[in-house]
Amino acid sequence: MTKARHFSKKEAINFGFKIAKKNILFFLSIFVVWAMVTFITSGIQSSLNLNKQFFLSFIFSLLMWVVNSIIAMGIINICLEFVDGKKPNLKDIFYTKKLFNFILASIIRSVIIIVGFILFIIPGIIFSIKLQYSEYLIVDKQLDAVSSIKKSWEMTKGIKWNLFLFAILLGLINVLGILAFLVGLLITVPLTFVANAYVYRKLLS
C-alpha cells in the first residue's frame, strides 16, 4: 500500500509569504506581462467579433487558450524554481515543454471534476483536490497526461482533507488581500502559488 504523505500548512504559507515578500517586484512584472498578453489578445478577439469574423474568432480563442496554457506552465515552473532555491527569470513565464500533454491533462482533469460535481458536488471537490498536481508533474517531471493524473491521485492519497483545509486557508488569505484595497493581492496571490508548489515538493519527496 502507498504510504500517505504529510505536509505542514503553516510551513508552506510561511515559505510562500517569504518568497512573495522578497520578490514582489518580480511577481508584479509577471502580472504586467500576463495583463498585457490578455489585453492585446482580448482586444483582437473583440475586433473579430465586431466584424462578425466568428470563425476567425473561434480559431483565435483556441490560440488564446494555448497562450494561457504556456503562461500557466511558466508560473508553475517559476514557483518550483523558487522552492528549489533557484532564481527564475521573467522569460521563464513562457514555458512550452510538454505543452500538448499539459493541455490534454487540463481537459481530462476538467471533465473528471465536472462529472464529480454532477454527482452531488462533493465528489467534484474530492477529484479537484486529488488531481491538482497533475499539471505540476507534467512541468516538473515531464510526464504524459494520463501518467500525471494517476501520479497526482496517488501522491494525494490519505491527505485530501488536509489539502482541502489548506485550500480554504489560502482562499481566506486572498480574501484578506482583497480587503486590503486589492494591493494585498500583490503578496497573497504569489504566496498562494508558491505555497502550493512547496506542498507539491513535500508530497513528491
C-alpha atoms as a PDB file:
ATOM      1  CA  MET A   1       0.000   0.000   0.000  1.00  0.00           C
ATOM      2  CA  THR A   2       1.098   3.581  -0.729  1.00  0.00           C
ATOM      3  CA  LYS A   3       2.166   5.446   2.380  1.00  0.00           C
ATOM      4  CA  ALA A   4       0.318   8.725   2.932  1.00  0.00           C
ATOM      5  CA  ARG A   5       2.435  11.858   2.607  1.00  0.00           C
ATOM      6  CA  HIS A   6       2.445  14.695   5.118  1.00  0.00           C
ATOM      7  CA  PHE A   7       2.998  18.444   4.988  1.00  0.00           C
ATOM      8  CA  SER A   8       2.752  21.466   7.260  1.00  0.00           C
ATOM      9  CA  LYS A   9       0.227  24.133   6.235  1.00  0.00           C
ATOM     10  CA  LYS A  10       1.939  26.732   8.408  1.00  0.00           C
ATOM     11  CA  GLU A  11       5.351  25.931   6.953  1.00  0.00           C
ATOM     12  CA  ALA A  12       4.053  26.176   3.383  1.00  0.00           C
ATOM     13  CA  ILE A  13       2.291  29.507   3.985  1.00  0.00           C
ATOM     14  CA  ASN A  14       5.298  30.994   5.777  1.00  0.00           C
ATOM     15  CA  PHE A  15       7.571  29.940   2.922  1.00  0.00           C
ATOM     16  CA  GLY A  16       5.169  31.367   0.348  1.00  0.00           C
ATOM     17  CA  PHE A  17       4.955  34.664   2.245  1.00  0.00           C
ATOM     18  CA  LYS A  18       8.730  34.953   2.496  1.00  0.00           C
ATOM     19  CA  ILE A  19       9.234  34.380  -1.231  1.00  0.00           C
ATOM     20  CA  ALA A  20       6.335  36.669  -2.233  1.00  0.00           C
ATOM     21  CA  LYS A  21       7.562  39.494   0.001  1.00  0.00           C
ATOM     22  CA  LYS A  22      11.171  39.222  -1.119  1.00  0.00           C
ATOM     23  CA  ASN A  23      10.296  39.069  -4.841  1.00  0.00           C
ATOM     24  CA  ILE A  24       7.292  41.390  -5.015  1.00  0.00           C
ATOM     25  CA  LEU A  25       8.664  43.364  -7.993  1.00  0.00           C
ATOM     26  CA  PHE A  26       9.390  40.156  -9.899  1.00  0.00           C
ATOM     27  CA  PHE A  27       5.841  38.888  -9.376  1.00  0.00           C
ATOM     28  CA  LEU A  28       4.492  42.317 -10.314  1.00  0.00           C
ATOM     29  CA  SER A  29       6.438  42.026 -13.582  1.00  0.00           C
ATOM     30  CA  ILE A  30       4.825  38.634 -14.228  1.00  0.00           C
ATOM     31  CA  PHE A  31       1.397  40.168 -13.641  1.00  0.00           C
ATOM     32  CA  VAL A  32       2.170  43.012 -16.053  1.00  0.00           C
ATOM     33  CA  VAL A  33       3.264  40.576 -18.782  1.00  0.00           C
ATOM     34  CA  TRP A  34       0.164  38.432 -18.270  1.00  0.00           C
ATOM     35  CA  ALA A  35      -2.101  41.515 -18.251  1.00  0.00           C
ATOM     36  CA  MET A  36      -0.550  42.831 -21.474  1.00  0.00           C
ATOM     37  CA  VAL A  37      -0.969  39.487 -23.243  1.00  0.00           C
ATOM     38  CA  THR A  38      -4.585  39.266 -22.031  1.00  0.00           C
ATOM     39  CA  PHE A  39      -5.353  42.870 -23.042  1.00  0.00           C
ATOM     40  CA  ILE A  40      -3.901  42.504 -26.531  1.00  0.00           C
ATOM     41  CA  THR A  41      -5.497  39.133 -27.282  1.00  0.00           C
ATOM     42  CA  SER A  42      -8.889  40.189 -25.859  1.00  0.00           C
ATOM     43  CA  GLY A  43      -8.787  43.333 -27.981  1.00  0.00           C
ATOM     44  CA  ILE A  44      -8.078  41.344 -31.130  1.00  0.00           C
ATOM     45  CA  GLN A  45     -10.891  38.894 -30.396  1.00  0.00           C
ATOM     46  CA  SER A  46     -13.359  41.708 -29.666  1.00  0.00           C
ATOM     47  CA  SER A  47     -12.443  43.268 -33.005  1.00  0.00           C
ATOM     48  CA  LEU A  48     -13.047  39.969 -34.790  1.00  0.00           C
ATOM     49  CA  ASN A  49     -16.456  39.594 -33.109  1.00  0.00           C
ATOM     50  CA  LEU A  50     -17.465  43.165 -34.010  1.00  0.00           C
ATOM     51  CA  ASN A  51     -16.599  42.445 -37.636  1.00  0.00           C
ATOM     52  CA  LYS A  52     -18.566  39.180 -37.459  1.00  0.00           C
ATOM     53  CA  GLN A  53     -15.484  37.111 -38.170  1.00  0.00           C
ATOM     54  CA  PHE A  54     -16.821  34.333 -35.982  1.00  0.00           C
ATOM     55  CA  PHE A  55     -14.743  31.504 -37.429  1.00  0.00           C
ATOM     56  CA  LEU A  56     -11.543  33.524 -37.020  1.00  0.00           C
ATOM     57  CA  SER A  57     -12.718  34.471 -33.526  1.00  0.00           C
ATOM     58  CA  PHE A  58     -13.101  30.782 -32.665  1.00  0.00           C
ATOM     59  CA  ILE A  59      -9.627  29.981 -34.009  1.00  0.00           C
ATOM     60  CA  PHE A  60      -8.199  32.910 -32.072  1.00  0.00           C
ATOM     61  CA  SER A  61      -9.938  31.668 -28.897  1.00  0.00           C
ATOM     62  CA  LEU A  62      -8.084  28.385 -29.274  1.00  0.00           C
ATOM     63  CA  LEU A  63      -4.845  30.305 -29.759  1.00  0.00           C
ATOM     64  CA  MET A  64      -5.542  32.304 -26.584  1.00  0.00           C
ATOM     65  CA  TRP A  65      -6.130  29.031 -24.736  1.00  0.00           C
ATOM     66  CA  VAL A  66      -2.732  27.770 -25.876  1.00  0.00           C
ATOM     67  CA  VAL A  67      -1.019  31.025 -24.852  1.00  0.00           C
ATOM     68  CA  ASN A  68      -2.696  30.956 -21.430  1.00  0.00           C
ATOM     69  CA  SER A  69      -1.560  27.345 -21.005  1.00  0.00           C
ATOM     70  CA  ILE A  70       2.024  28.355 -21.824  1.00  0.00           C
ATOM     71  CA  ILE A  71       1.887  31.104 -19.184  1.00  0.00           C
ATOM     72  CA  ALA A  72       0.278  28.749 -16.641  1.00  0.00           C
ATOM     73  CA  MET A  73       3.109  26.271 -17.193  1.00  0.00           C
ATOM     74  CA  GLY A  74       5.614  29.094 -16.830  1.00  0.00           C
ATOM     75  CA  ILE A  75       4.158  30.196 -13.497  1.00  0.00           C
ATOM     76  CA  ILE A  76       4.294  26.627 -12.179  1.00  0.00           C
ATOM     77  CA  ASN A  77       7.902  26.328 -13.338  1.00  0.00           C
ATOM     78  CA  ILE A  78       8.854  29.659 -11.732  1.00  0.00           C
ATOM     79  CA  CYS A  79       7.272  28.688  -8.403  1.00  0.00           C
ATOM     80  CA  LEU A  80       9.065  25.342  -8.419  1.00  0.00           C
ATOM     81  CA  GLU A  81      12.353  27.124  -9.083  1.00  0.00           C
ATOM     82  CA  PHE A  82      11.760  29.322  -6.031  1.00  0.00           C
ATOM     83  CA  VAL A  83      11.018  26.230  -3.939  1.00  0.00           C
ATOM     84  CA  ASP A  84      14.224  24.625  -5.198  1.00  0.00           C
ATOM     85  CA  GLY A  85      16.242  27.676  -4.157  1.00  0.00           C
ATOM     86  CA  LYS A  86      16.834  28.904  -7.709  1.00  0.00           C
ATOM     87  CA  LYS A  87      16.421  32.419  -9.105  1.00  0.00           C
ATOM     88  CA  PRO A  88      13.979  32.381 -12.044  1.00  0.00           C
ATOM     89  CA  ASN A  89      13.988  34.915 -14.882  1.00  0.00           C
ATOM     90  CA  LEU A  90      10.998  36.761 -16.319  1.00  0.00           C
ATOM     91  CA  LYS A  91      11.414  34.876 -19.611  1.00  0.00           C
ATOM     92  CA  ASP A  92      10.624  31.643 -17.714  1.00  0.00           C
ATOM     93  CA  ILE A  93       6.949  32.620 -17.789  1.00  0.00           C
ATOM     94  CA  PHE A  94       6.850  31.304 -21.362  1.00  0.00           C
ATOM     95  CA  TYR A  95       7.237  27.533 -20.928  1.00  0.00           C
ATOM     96  CA  THR A  96       6.407  25.191 -23.792  1.00  0.00           C
ATOM     97  CA  LYS A  97       7.804  21.750 -22.908  1.00  0.00           C
ATOM     98  CA  LYS A  98       5.103  19.053 -22.939  1.00  0.00           C
ATOM     99  CA  LEU A  99       2.516  21.689 -23.905  1.00  0.00           C
ATOM    100  CA  PHE A 100       0.221  19.168 -25.602  1.00  0.00           C
ATOM    101  CA  ASN A 101       0.262  16.914 -22.532  1.00  0.00           C
ATOM    102  CA  PHE A 102      -0.439  19.904 -20.288  1.00  0.00           C
ATOM    103  CA  ILE A 103      -3.487  20.898 -22.330  1.00  0.00           C
ATOM    104  CA  LEU A 104      -4.691  17.293 -22.578  1.00  0.00           C
ATOM    105  CA  ALA A 105      -4.316  16.771 -18.818  1.00  0.00           C
ATOM    106  CA  SER A 106      -6.233  20.014 -18.182  1.00  0.00           C
ATOM    107  CA  ILE A 107      -9.081  18.783 -20.380  1.00  0.00           C
ATOM    108  CA  ILE A 108      -9.204  15.317 -18.773  1.00  0.00           C
ATOM    109  CA  ARG A 109      -8.997  16.816 -15.280  1.00  0.00           C
ATOM    110  CA  SER A 110     -11.775  19.309 -16.039  1.00  0.00           C
ATOM    111  CA  VAL A 111     -14.066  16.582 -17.394  1.00  0.00           C
ATOM    112  CA  ILE A 112     -13.483  14.385 -14.329  1.00  0.00           C
ATOM    113  CA  ILE A 113     -14.174  17.301 -11.963  1.00  0.00           C
ATOM    114  CA  ILE A 114     -17.337  18.341 -13.843  1.00  0.00           C
ATOM    115  CA  VAL A 115     -18.642  14.772 -13.682  1.00  0.00           C
ATOM    116  CA  GLY A 116     -17.824  14.773  -9.976  1.00  0.00           C
ATOM    117  CA  PHE A 117     -19.817  17.966  -9.396  1.00  0.00           C
ATOM    118  CA  ILE A 118     -22.746  16.474 -11.287  1.00  0.00           C
ATOM    119  CA  LEU A 119     -22.575  13.577  -8.814  1.00  0.00           C
ATOM    120  CA  PHE A 120     -23.742  15.688  -5.834  1.00  0.00           C
ATOM    121  CA  ILE A 121     -20.842  18.202  -5.700  1.00  0.00           C
ATOM    122  CA  ILE A 122     -18.679  16.507  -3.026  1.00  0.00           C
ATOM    123  CA  PRO A 123     -17.046  14.050  -5.485  1.00  0.00           C
ATOM    124  CA  GLY A 124     -16.142  17.052  -7.650  1.00  0.00           C
ATOM    125  CA  ILE A 125     -14.378  18.706  -4.718  1.00  0.00           C
ATOM    126  CA  ILE A 126     -12.520  15.483  -3.940  1.00  0.00           C
ATOM    127  CA  PHE A 127     -11.486  14.999  -7.577  1.00  0.00           C
ATOM    128  CA  SER A 128     -10.246  18.606  -7.878  1.00  0.00           C
ATOM    129  CA  ILE A 129      -8.103  18.157  -4.756  1.00  0.00           C
ATOM    130  CA  LYS A 130      -6.656  14.800  -5.745  1.00  0.00           C
ATOM    131  CA  LEU A 131      -5.857  15.808  -9.339  1.00  0.00           C
ATOM    132  CA  GLN A 132      -4.488  19.299  -8.645  1.00  0.00           C
ATOM    133  CA  TYR A 133      -0.840  18.292  -9.075  1.00  0.00           C
ATOM    134  CA  SER A 134      -1.186  16.635 -12.490  1.00  0.00           C
ATOM    135  CA  GLU A 135      -0.056  19.811 -14.244  1.00  0.00           C
ATOM    136  CA  TYR A 136       2.866  20.235 -11.830  1.00  0.00           C
ATOM    137  CA  LEU A 137       4.021  16.721 -12.690  1.00  0.00           C
ATOM    138  CA  ILE A 138       3.981  17.494 -16.410  1.00  0.00           C
ATOM    139  CA  VAL A 139       6.078  20.642 -15.952  1.00  0.00           C
ATOM    140  CA  ASP A 140       8.393  19.172 -13.320  1.00  0.00           C
ATOM    141  CA  LYS A 141       8.739  15.527 -14.315  1.00  0.00           C
ATOM    142  CA  GLN A 142       7.757  15.709 -17.996  1.00  0.00           C
ATOM    143  CA  LEU A 143       5.079  13.046 -17.535  1.00  0.00           C
ATOM    144  CA  ASP A 144       2.389  12.411 -20.115  1.00  0.00           C
ATOM    145  CA  ALA A 145      -1.204  13.460 -19.406  1.00  0.00           C
ATOM    146  CA  VAL A 146      -2.558  10.125 -18.164  1.00  0.00           C
ATOM    147  CA  SER A 147       0.520   9.296 -16.051  1.00  0.00           C
ATOM    148  CA  SER A 148       0.416  12.741 -14.407  1.00  0.00           C
ATOM    149  CA  ILE A 149      -3.235  12.273 -13.408  1.00  0.00           C
ATOM    150  CA  LYS A 150      -2.529   8.822 -11.971  1.00  0.00           C
ATOM    151  CA  LYS A 151       0.511  10.107 -10.083  1.00  0.00           C
ATOM    152  CA  SER A 152      -1.389  13.092  -8.652  1.00  0.00           C
ATOM    153  CA  TRP A 153      -4.124  10.743  -7.461  1.00  0.00           C
ATOM    154  CA  GLU A 154      -1.523   8.531  -5.793  1.00  0.00           C
ATOM    155  CA  MET A 155       0.510  11.278  -4.091  1.00  0.00           C
ATOM    156  CA  THR A 156      -2.580  12.854  -2.502  1.00  0.00           C
ATOM    157  CA  LYS A 157      -3.780   9.578  -1.042  1.00  0.00           C
ATOM    158  CA  GLY A 158      -4.809   9.870   2.610  1.00  0.00           C
ATOM    159  CA  ILE A 159      -4.406  13.656   2.843  1.00  0.00           C
ATOM    160  CA  LYS A 160      -7.264  15.041   0.730  1.00  0.00           C
ATOM    161  CA  TRP A 161      -8.974  16.696   3.698  1.00  0.00           C
ATOM    162  CA  ASN A 162      -5.714  18.268   4.851  1.00  0.00           C
ATOM    163  CA  LEU A 163      -5.284  19.627   1.331  1.00  0.00           C
ATOM    164  CA  PHE A 164      -8.890  20.838   1.406  1.00  0.00           C
ATOM    165  CA  LEU A 165      -8.257  22.777   4.628  1.00  0.00           C
ATOM    166  CA  PHE A 166      -5.075  24.162   3.094  1.00  0.00           C
ATOM    167  CA  ALA A 167      -7.040  25.413   0.080  1.00  0.00           C
ATOM    168  CA  ILE A 168      -9.563  27.100   2.389  1.00  0.00           C
ATOM    169  CA  LEU A 169      -6.729  28.809   4.296  1.00  0.00           C
ATOM    170  CA  LEU A 170      -5.231  30.116   1.061  1.00  0.00           C
ATOM    171  CA  GLY A 171      -8.665  31.328  -0.021  1.00  0.00           C
ATOM    172  CA  LEU A 172      -9.097  33.256   3.230  1.00  0.00           C
ATOM    173  CA  ILE A 173      -5.627  34.767   2.834  1.00  0.00           C
ATOM    174  CA  ASN A 174      -6.603  36.054  -0.614  1.00  0.00           C
ATOM    175  CA  VAL A 175      -9.834  37.479   0.810  1.00  0.00           C
ATOM    176  CA  LEU A 176      -7.644  39.472   3.207  1.00  0.00           C
ATOM    177  CA  GLY A 177      -5.632  40.614   0.192  1.00  0.00           C
ATOM    178  CA  ILE A 178      -8.829  41.893  -1.437  1.00  0.00           C
ATOM    179  CA  LEU A 179      -9.885  43.675   1.745  1.00  0.00           C
ATOM    180  CA  ALA A 180      -6.508  45.437   1.824  1.00  0.00           C
ATOM    181  CA  PHE A 181      -7.685  47.628  -1.080  1.00  0.00           C
ATOM    182  CA  LEU A 182      -6.642  44.864  -3.534  1.00  0.00           C
ATOM    183  CA  VAL A 183      -2.979  45.849  -3.017  1.00  0.00           C
ATOM    184  CA  GLY A 184      -2.610  42.902  -0.662  1.00  0.00           C
ATOM    185  CA  LEU A 185      -3.151  40.588  -3.625  1.00  0.00           C
ATOM    186  CA  LEU A 186       0.361  41.503  -4.784  1.00  0.00           C
ATOM    187  CA  ILE A 187       1.506  39.412  -1.831  1.00  0.00           C
ATOM    188  CA  THR A 188      -1.292  36.888  -1.340  1.00  0.00           C
ATOM    189  CA  VAL A 189      -1.553  35.652  -4.934  1.00  0.00           C
ATOM    190  CA  PRO A 190       2.190  34.861  -5.299  1.00  0.00           C
ATOM    191  CA  LEU A 191       2.083  33.430  -1.782  1.00  0.00           C
ATOM    192  CA  THR A 192      -0.674  31.052  -2.907  1.00  0.00           C
ATOM    193  CA  PHE A 193       1.186  29.854  -5.991  1.00  0.00           C
ATOM    194  CA  VAL A 194       4.496  29.359  -4.184  1.00  0.00           C
ATOM    195  CA  ALA A 195       2.867  27.653  -1.167  1.00  0.00           C
ATOM    196  CA  ASN A 196       1.127  25.186  -3.485  1.00  0.00           C
ATOM    197  CA  ALA A 197       4.423  24.443  -5.239  1.00  0.00           C
ATOM    198  CA  TYR A 198       6.041  23.961  -1.829  1.00  0.00           C
ATOM    199  CA  VAL A 199       3.402  21.402  -0.813  1.00  0.00           C
ATOM    200  CA  TYR A 200       3.817  19.621  -4.150  1.00  0.00           C
ATOM    201  CA  ARG A 201       7.532  19.262  -3.500  1.00  0.00           C
ATOM    202  CA  LYS A 202       6.900  17.926   0.026  1.00  0.00           C
ATOM    203  CA  LEU A 203       4.383  15.350  -1.195  1.00  0.00           C
ATOM    204  CA  LEU A 204       6.633  14.272  -4.055  1.00  0.00           C
ATOM    205  CA  SER A 205       9.601  13.745  -1.779  1.00  0.00           C
END
